[in-house]
């Protein structure tokens, strides 16, 4: 059985971000797996009808997204993810993939998926046969992440959203920006202390996803040599 999580998203200006980061750092810990700040590389898939894009912009209650994600331009660890949402509740299924498989998908070659017996690949293969999946947006952003054990809370500050260009070295400006998007994720409850640090700030609740933001700004530039 999939474990649903709550997910809230907000836009914030630079002043709000600065205040909130001070509050968050006083009660939460930086993500121990990443050192707190890292680059997120994304490649999103959609079908010939742009179904997943339209489901999101029309705020469909139940919707899916399919993406490939890795971090800090490092292609040694890549994951394919299927994220499902019902309202503001979501769960995610994922599997590890190789660099060769990633490059195949970037180049429009989905043949290896058709041969796999993994449940996620079988689902993707069925979608591809019916609706022709293809890369739809490639973008990256800088994420600053904090965690809080009670409620399994994770708060992230995402900034510097831009077309994803893979280079041997981090791109210029790969540091957290002042403004951007705030995401608050938790299991069954949001602890009072975390609820409290979010109060009194001009946070703009949004249903907009970074995928839709990127599609509307034409952020599809994936360069892998």
C-alpha atoms as a PDB file:
ATOM      1  CA  UNK A   1       0.000   0.000   0.000  1.00  0.00           C
ATOM      2  CA  UNK A   2       1.350   3.403  -0.975  1.00  0.00           C
ATOM      3  CA  UNK A   3       2.018   5.922   1.775  1.00  0.00           C
ATOM      4  CA  UNK A   4       0.409   9.254   0.927  1.00  0.00           C
ATOM      5  CA  UNK A   5       2.062  12.499   2.004  1.00  0.00           C
ATOM      6  CA  UNK A   6       0.708  16.012   2.251  1.00  0.00           C
ATOM      7  CA  UNK A   7       2.362  18.537  -0.032  1.00  0.00           C
ATOM      8  CA  UNK A   8       1.864  22.307   0.116  1.00  0.00           C
ATOM      9  CA  UNK A   9       3.483  24.790  -2.260  1.00  0.00           C
ATOM     10  CA  UNK A  10       3.977  28.542  -1.933  1.00  0.00           C
ATOM     11  CA  UNK A  11       5.557  31.357  -3.907  1.00  0.00           C
ATOM     12  CA  UNK A  12       7.620  33.796  -1.850  1.00  0.00           C
ATOM     13  CA  UNK A  13       9.560  36.980  -2.427  1.00  0.00           C
ATOM     14  CA  UNK A  14      13.168  37.512  -1.374  1.00  0.00           C
ATOM     15  CA  UNK A  15      12.334  39.211   1.938  1.00  0.00           C
ATOM     16  CA  UNK A  16       9.942  36.443   2.945  1.00  0.00           C
ATOM     17  CA  UNK A  17      12.467  33.772   1.972  1.00  0.00           C
ATOM     18  CA  UNK A  18      15.187  35.372   4.106  1.00  0.00           C
ATOM     19  CA  UNK A  19      12.913  35.577   7.174  1.00  0.00           C
ATOM     20  CA  UNK A  20      11.613  32.051   6.756  1.00  0.00           C
ATOM     21  CA  UNK A  21      15.066  30.537   6.321  1.00  0.00           C
ATOM     22  CA  UNK A  22      16.123  32.058   9.655  1.00  0.00           C
ATOM     23  CA  UNK A  23      13.041  30.602  11.337  1.00  0.00           C
ATOM     24  CA  UNK A  24      13.401  27.185   9.734  1.00  0.00           C
ATOM     25  CA  UNK A  25      17.111  26.852  10.542  1.00  0.00           C
ATOM     26  CA  UNK A  26      16.351  27.505  14.232  1.00  0.00           C
ATOM     27  CA  UNK A  27      14.133  24.427  14.623  1.00  0.00           C
ATOM     28  CA  UNK A  28      14.939  22.111  11.693  1.00  0.00           C
ATOM     29  CA  UNK A  29      18.068  20.345  10.460  1.00  0.00           C
ATOM     30  CA  UNK A  30      19.582  20.597   7.004  1.00  0.00           C
ATOM     31  CA  UNK A  31      19.057  17.445   4.969  1.00  0.00           C
ATOM     32  CA  UNK A  32      21.814  15.059   6.110  1.00  0.00           C
ATOM     33  CA  UNK A  33      22.059  13.215   2.784  1.00  0.00           C
ATOM     34  CA  UNK A  34      22.953  16.269   0.735  1.00  0.00           C
ATOM     35  CA  UNK A  35      24.543  18.792   3.038  1.00  0.00           C
ATOM     36  CA  UNK A  36      21.398  20.853   2.666  1.00  0.00           C
ATOM     37  CA  UNK A  37      22.008  22.552  -0.709  1.00  0.00           C
ATOM     38  CA  UNK A  38      22.145  20.779  -4.050  1.00  0.00           C
ATOM     39  CA  UNK A  39      21.182  21.006  -7.703  1.00  0.00           C
ATOM     40  CA  UNK A  40      18.195  19.006  -8.943  1.00  0.00           C
ATOM     41  CA  UNK A  41      18.295  17.938 -12.617  1.00  0.00           C
ATOM     42  CA  UNK A  42      14.943  17.004 -14.146  1.00  0.00           C
ATOM     43  CA  UNK A  43      13.670  15.518 -17.376  1.00  0.00           C
ATOM     44  CA  UNK A  44       9.851  15.344 -17.538  1.00  0.00           C
ATOM     45  CA  UNK A  45       7.923  13.135 -19.926  1.00  0.00           C
ATOM     46  CA  UNK A  46       4.504  13.815 -21.395  1.00  0.00           C
ATOM     47  CA  UNK A  47       2.401  12.196 -24.091  1.00  0.00           C
ATOM     48  CA  UNK A  48       1.368  13.341 -27.562  1.00  0.00           C
ATOM     49  CA  UNK A  49      -1.667  15.111 -26.081  1.00  0.00           C
ATOM     50  CA  UNK A  50       0.258  16.834 -23.258  1.00  0.00           C
ATOM     51  CA  UNK A  51      -2.082  15.038 -20.865  1.00  0.00           C
ATOM     52  CA  UNK A  52      -0.013  15.510 -17.706  1.00  0.00           C
ATOM     53  CA  UNK A  53       0.503  19.211 -18.418  1.00  0.00           C
ATOM     54  CA  UNK A  54      -3.218  19.810 -18.973  1.00  0.00           C
ATOM     55  CA  UNK A  55      -4.224  17.761 -15.934  1.00  0.00           C
ATOM     56  CA  UNK A  56      -2.060  20.030 -13.819  1.00  0.00           C
ATOM     57  CA  UNK A  57      -3.045  23.422 -15.242  1.00  0.00           C
ATOM     58  CA  UNK A  58      -6.724  22.443 -15.016  1.00  0.00           C
ATOM     59  CA  UNK A  59      -6.089  21.276 -11.441  1.00  0.00           C
ATOM     60  CA  UNK A  60      -7.465  17.774 -11.946  1.00  0.00           C
ATOM     61  CA  UNK A  61      -7.982  16.126  -8.567  1.00  0.00           C
ATOM     62  CA  UNK A  62      -6.207  12.913  -9.571  1.00  0.00           C
ATOM     63  CA  UNK A  63      -3.128  13.184 -11.783  1.00  0.00           C
ATOM     64  CA  UNK A  64       0.269  11.694 -12.552  1.00  0.00           C
ATOM     65  CA  UNK A  65       3.696  12.894 -13.579  1.00  0.00           C
ATOM     66  CA  UNK A  66       6.641  10.955 -14.975  1.00  0.00           C
ATOM     67  CA  UNK A  67      10.142  12.274 -14.619  1.00  0.00           C
ATOM     68  CA  UNK A  68      13.811  11.377 -14.528  1.00  0.00           C
ATOM     69  CA  UNK A  69      15.834  12.968 -11.762  1.00  0.00           C
ATOM     70  CA  UNK A  70      19.477  13.146 -10.744  1.00  0.00           C
ATOM     71  CA  UNK A  71      21.528  15.576  -8.726  1.00  0.00           C
ATOM     72  CA  UNK A  72      24.460  17.961  -9.149  1.00  0.00           C
ATOM     73  CA  UNK A  73      24.924  16.989 -12.821  1.00  0.00           C
ATOM     74  CA  UNK A  74      25.961  13.509 -11.664  1.00  0.00           C
ATOM     75  CA  UNK A  75      24.723  10.776 -14.019  1.00  0.00           C
ATOM     76  CA  UNK A  76      26.033   7.934 -11.841  1.00  0.00           C
ATOM     77  CA  UNK A  77      22.786   7.829  -9.838  1.00  0.00           C
ATOM     78  CA  UNK A  78      19.589   8.403 -11.819  1.00  0.00           C
ATOM     79  CA  UNK A  79      16.023   7.625 -10.817  1.00  0.00           C
ATOM     80  CA  UNK A  80      12.845   7.342 -12.838  1.00  0.00           C
ATOM     81  CA  UNK A  81       9.859   8.521 -10.794  1.00  0.00           C
ATOM     82  CA  UNK A  82       6.096   8.202 -11.124  1.00  0.00           C
ATOM     83  CA  UNK A  83       4.423  10.684  -8.803  1.00  0.00           C
ATOM     84  CA  UNK A  84       0.680  10.409  -8.252  1.00  0.00           C
ATOM     85  CA  UNK A  85      -1.422  13.117  -6.594  1.00  0.00           C
ATOM     86  CA  UNK A  86      -4.962  13.201  -5.247  1.00  0.00           C
ATOM     87  CA  UNK A  87      -5.559  16.819  -4.290  1.00  0.00           C
ATOM     88  CA  UNK A  88      -2.710  17.811  -1.955  1.00  0.00           C
ATOM     89  CA  UNK A  89      -1.921  14.197  -1.069  1.00  0.00           C
ATOM     90  CA  UNK A  90       0.726  12.395  -3.059  1.00  0.00           C
ATOM     91  CA  UNK A  91       2.842   9.289  -3.246  1.00  0.00           C
ATOM     92  CA  UNK A  92       5.861   8.443  -5.359  1.00  0.00           C
ATOM     93  CA  UNK A  93       7.182   5.234  -6.889  1.00  0.00           C
ATOM     94  CA  UNK A  94      10.674   5.112  -8.320  1.00  0.00           C
ATOM     95  CA  UNK A  95      13.358   2.876  -9.738  1.00  0.00           C
ATOM     96  CA  UNK A  96      17.032   3.277 -10.461  1.00  0.00           C
ATOM     97  CA  UNK A  97      18.069   3.549 -14.097  1.00  0.00           C
ATOM     98  CA  UNK A  98      21.374   3.569 -15.936  1.00  0.00           C
ATOM     99  CA  UNK A  99      22.991   6.423 -17.799  1.00  0.00           C
ATOM    100  CA  UNK A 100      22.514   4.482 -21.039  1.00  0.00           C
ATOM    101  CA  UNK A 101      18.776   4.145 -20.363  1.00  0.00           C
ATOM    102  CA  UNK A 102      18.590   7.861 -19.603  1.00  0.00           C
ATOM    103  CA  UNK A 103      20.340   8.756 -22.827  1.00  0.00           C
ATOM    104  CA  UNK A 104      18.042   6.425 -24.762  1.00  0.00           C
ATOM    105  CA  UNK A 105      14.966   8.218 -23.440  1.00  0.00           C
ATOM    106  CA  UNK A 106      16.486  11.633 -24.166  1.00  0.00           C
ATOM    107  CA  UNK A 107      16.985  10.478 -27.754  1.00  0.00           C
ATOM    108  CA  UNK A 108      13.441   9.130 -28.011  1.00  0.00           C
ATOM    109  CA  UNK A 109      14.378   5.435 -27.830  1.00  0.00           C
ATOM    110  CA  UNK A 110      11.927   3.650 -25.488  1.00  0.00           C
ATOM    111  CA  UNK A 111      12.620   0.129 -26.737  1.00  0.00           C
ATOM    112  CA  UNK A 112      14.319  -1.101 -23.555  1.00  0.00           C
ATOM    113  CA  UNK A 113      11.198  -0.203 -21.543  1.00  0.00           C
ATOM    114  CA  UNK A 114       9.056  -2.514 -23.661  1.00  0.00           C
ATOM    115  CA  UNK A 115      11.259  -5.476 -22.672  1.00  0.00           C
ATOM    116  CA  UNK A 116      11.316  -4.834 -18.923  1.00  0.00           C
ATOM    117  CA  UNK A 117       9.192  -6.729 -16.395  1.00  0.00           C
ATOM    118  CA  UNK A 118       9.406  -4.018 -13.728  1.00  0.00           C
ATOM    119  CA  UNK A 119       5.862  -2.801 -12.851  1.00  0.00           C
ATOM    120  CA  UNK A 120       6.766   0.865 -13.339  1.00  0.00           C
ATOM    121  CA  UNK A 121       8.339   0.255 -16.754  1.00  0.00           C
ATOM    122  CA  UNK A 122       5.362  -1.897 -17.748  1.00  0.00           C
ATOM    123  CA  UNK A 123       3.029   0.995 -16.911  1.00  0.00           C
ATOM    124  CA  UNK A 124       5.201   3.420 -18.868  1.00  0.00           C
ATOM    125  CA  UNK A 125       5.386   0.991 -21.801  1.00  0.00           C
ATOM    126  CA  UNK A 126       1.583   0.752 -21.933  1.00  0.00           C
ATOM    127  CA  UNK A 127       1.265   4.537 -21.922  1.00  0.00           C
ATOM    128  CA  UNK A 128       3.893   4.829 -24.624  1.00  0.00           C
ATOM    129  CA  UNK A 129       2.160   2.306 -26.885  1.00  0.00           C
ATOM    130  CA  UNK A 130      -1.154   4.151 -26.603  1.00  0.00           C
ATOM    131  CA  UNK A 131      -0.093   7.787 -26.330  1.00  0.00           C
ATOM    132  CA  UNK A 132       3.583   8.074 -27.360  1.00  0.00           C
ATOM    133  CA  UNK A 133       5.519   9.434 -24.406  1.00  0.00           C
ATOM    134  CA  UNK A 134       8.430  11.767 -25.110  1.00  0.00           C
ATOM    135  CA  UNK A 135      10.714  14.242 -23.281  1.00  0.00           C
ATOM    136  CA  UNK A 136       8.738  17.442 -22.708  1.00  0.00           C
ATOM    137  CA  UNK A 137      10.819  19.627 -20.371  1.00  0.00           C
ATOM    138  CA  UNK A 138      14.377  19.594 -19.090  1.00  0.00           C
ATOM    139  CA  UNK A 139      15.242  22.023 -16.326  1.00  0.00           C
ATOM    140  CA  UNK A 140      17.199  22.318 -13.112  1.00  0.00           C
ATOM    141  CA  UNK A 141      16.969  24.315  -9.918  1.00  0.00           C
ATOM    142  CA  UNK A 142      18.830  24.774  -6.664  1.00  0.00           C
ATOM    143  CA  UNK A 143      17.215  23.208  -3.611  1.00  0.00           C
ATOM    144  CA  UNK A 144      17.888  23.964   0.039  1.00  0.00           C
ATOM    145  CA  UNK A 145      16.306  21.242   2.179  1.00  0.00           C
ATOM    146  CA  UNK A 146      15.456  20.931   5.886  1.00  0.00           C
ATOM    147  CA  UNK A 147      13.940  18.054   7.846  1.00  0.00           C
ATOM    148  CA  UNK A 148      12.051  17.630  11.121  1.00  0.00           C
ATOM    149  CA  UNK A 149      11.487  14.118  12.475  1.00  0.00           C
ATOM    150  CA  UNK A 150       8.030  14.457  14.116  1.00  0.00           C
ATOM    151  CA  UNK A 151       5.505  14.249  11.286  1.00  0.00           C
ATOM    152  CA  UNK A 152       8.345  13.392   8.875  1.00  0.00           C
ATOM    153  CA  UNK A 153       8.393  17.031   7.757  1.00  0.00           C
ATOM    154  CA  UNK A 154      10.548  18.211   4.865  1.00  0.00           C
ATOM    155  CA  UNK A 155      10.739  21.876   3.887  1.00  0.00           C
ATOM    156  CA  UNK A 156      12.538  22.878   0.705  1.00  0.00           C
ATOM    157  CA  UNK A 157      13.425  26.228  -0.827  1.00  0.00           C
ATOM    158  CA  UNK A 158      13.718  25.969  -4.623  1.00  0.00           C
ATOM    159  CA  UNK A 159      15.226  28.729  -6.752  1.00  0.00           C
ATOM    160  CA  UNK A 160      17.191  29.405  -9.955  1.00  0.00           C
ATOM    161  CA  UNK A 161      14.837  27.420 -12.203  1.00  0.00           C
ATOM    162  CA  UNK A 162      16.335  27.322 -15.687  1.00  0.00           C
ATOM    163  CA  UNK A 163      16.957  25.100 -18.735  1.00  0.00           C
ATOM    164  CA  UNK A 164      19.084  22.109 -17.837  1.00  0.00           C
ATOM    165  CA  UNK A 165      22.479  22.164 -19.496  1.00  0.00           C
ATOM    166  CA  UNK A 166      24.839  19.433 -18.354  1.00  0.00           C
ATOM    167  CA  UNK A 167      28.423  20.597 -18.078  1.00  0.00           C
ATOM    168  CA  UNK A 168      31.496  19.045 -16.424  1.00  0.00           C
ATOM    169  CA  UNK A 169      31.440  21.722 -13.740  1.00  0.00           C
ATOM    170  CA  UNK A 170      28.522  23.346 -11.886  1.00  0.00           C
ATOM    171  CA  UNK A 171      26.989  26.173 -13.867  1.00  0.00           C
ATOM    172  CA  UNK A 172      27.619  29.758 -12.884  1.00  0.00           C
ATOM    173  CA  UNK A 173      25.079  30.902 -10.333  1.00  0.00           C
ATOM    174  CA  UNK A 174      24.439  27.428  -8.868  1.00  0.00           C
ATOM    175  CA  UNK A 175      23.785  28.839  -5.409  1.00  0.00           C
ATOM    176  CA  UNK A 176      20.441  29.291  -3.643  1.00  0.00           C
ATOM    177  CA  UNK A 177      18.509  32.282  -4.895  1.00  0.00           C
ATOM    178  CA  UNK A 178      16.662  34.632  -2.596  1.00  0.00           C
ATOM    179  CA  UNK A 179      13.128  34.160  -3.913  1.00  0.00           C
ATOM    180  CA  UNK A 180      11.413  31.133  -5.397  1.00  0.00           C
ATOM    181  CA  UNK A 181       9.116  28.312  -4.355  1.00  0.00           C
ATOM    182  CA  UNK A 182       8.605  26.825  -0.911  1.00  0.00           C
ATOM    183  CA  UNK A 183       7.432  23.215  -0.523  1.00  0.00           C
ATOM    184  CA  UNK A 184       6.194  21.768   2.771  1.00  0.00           C
ATOM    185  CA  UNK A 185       5.783  17.976   2.875  1.00  0.00           C
ATOM    186  CA  UNK A 186       4.631  15.881   5.816  1.00  0.00           C
ATOM    187  CA  UNK A 187       2.852  12.618   6.621  1.00  0.00           C
ATOM    188  CA  UNK A 188      -0.321  12.695   8.716  1.00  0.00           C
ATOM    189  CA  UNK A 189       0.163  15.898  10.688  1.00  0.00           C
ATOM    190  CA  UNK A 190       2.110  19.136  10.637  1.00  0.00           C
ATOM    191  CA  UNK A 191       3.652  19.778  14.079  1.00  0.00           C
ATOM    192  CA  UNK A 192       2.556  22.980  15.784  1.00  0.00           C
ATOM    193  CA  UNK A 193       6.103  24.358  15.865  1.00  0.00           C
ATOM    194  CA  UNK A 194       6.382  24.032  12.082  1.00  0.00           C
ATOM    195  CA  UNK A 195       2.917  25.485  11.551  1.00  0.00           C
ATOM    196  CA  UNK A 196       3.943  28.398  13.758  1.00  0.00           C
ATOM    197  CA  UNK A 197       7.050  29.377  11.795  1.00  0.00           C
ATOM    198  CA  UNK A 198       4.946  29.634   8.618  1.00  0.00           C
ATOM    199  CA  UNK A 199       2.521  32.117  10.147  1.00  0.00           C
ATOM    200  CA  UNK A 200       2.532  35.882   9.671  1.00  0.00           C
ATOM    201  CA  UNK A 201       4.352  35.787   6.337  1.00  0.00           C
ATOM    202  CA  UNK A 202       2.999  36.752   2.890  1.00  0.00           C
ATOM    203  CA  UNK A 203       3.208  33.234   1.450  1.00  0.00           C
ATOM    204  CA  UNK A 204       1.193  32.773  -1.738  1.00  0.00           C
ATOM    205  CA  UNK A 205      -0.297  29.292  -1.866  1.00  0.00           C
ATOM    206  CA  UNK A 206      -0.066  27.868  -5.374  1.00  0.00           C
ATOM    207  CA  UNK A 207      -1.026  24.759  -7.304  1.00  0.00           C
ATOM    208  CA  UNK A 208       1.530  25.589 -10.002  1.00  0.00           C
ATOM    209  CA  UNK A 209       4.217  22.975 -10.581  1.00  0.00           C
ATOM    210  CA  UNK A 210       7.763  23.600 -11.724  1.00  0.00           C
ATOM    211  CA  UNK A 211       7.004  21.362 -14.709  1.00  0.00           C
ATOM    212  CA  UNK A 212       4.183  23.637 -15.897  1.00  0.00           C
ATOM    213  CA  UNK A 213       6.276  26.717 -15.133  1.00  0.00           C
ATOM    214  CA  UNK A 214       9.048  25.300 -17.302  1.00  0.00           C
ATOM    215  CA  UNK A 215       6.727  24.254 -20.130  1.00  0.00           C
ATOM    216  CA  UNK A 216       5.206  27.713 -20.305  1.00  0.00           C
ATOM    217  CA  UNK A 217       8.654  29.285 -20.532  1.00  0.00           C
ATOM    218  CA  UNK A 218      10.009  26.815 -23.062  1.00  0.00           C
ATOM    219  CA  UNK A 219      12.633  25.345 -20.742  1.00  0.00           C
ATOM    220  CA  UNK A 220      13.614  22.341 -22.802  1.00  0.00           C
ATOM    221  CA  UNK A 221      17.295  22.359 -23.501  1.00  0.00           C
ATOM    222  CA  UNK A 222      19.037  19.113 -22.562  1.00  0.00           C
ATOM    223  CA  UNK A 223      22.638  18.857 -23.680  1.00  0.00           C
ATOM    224  CA  UNK A 224      24.437  15.572 -23.067  1.00  0.00           C
ATOM    225  CA  UNK A 225      27.614  14.794 -24.948  1.00  0.00           C
END
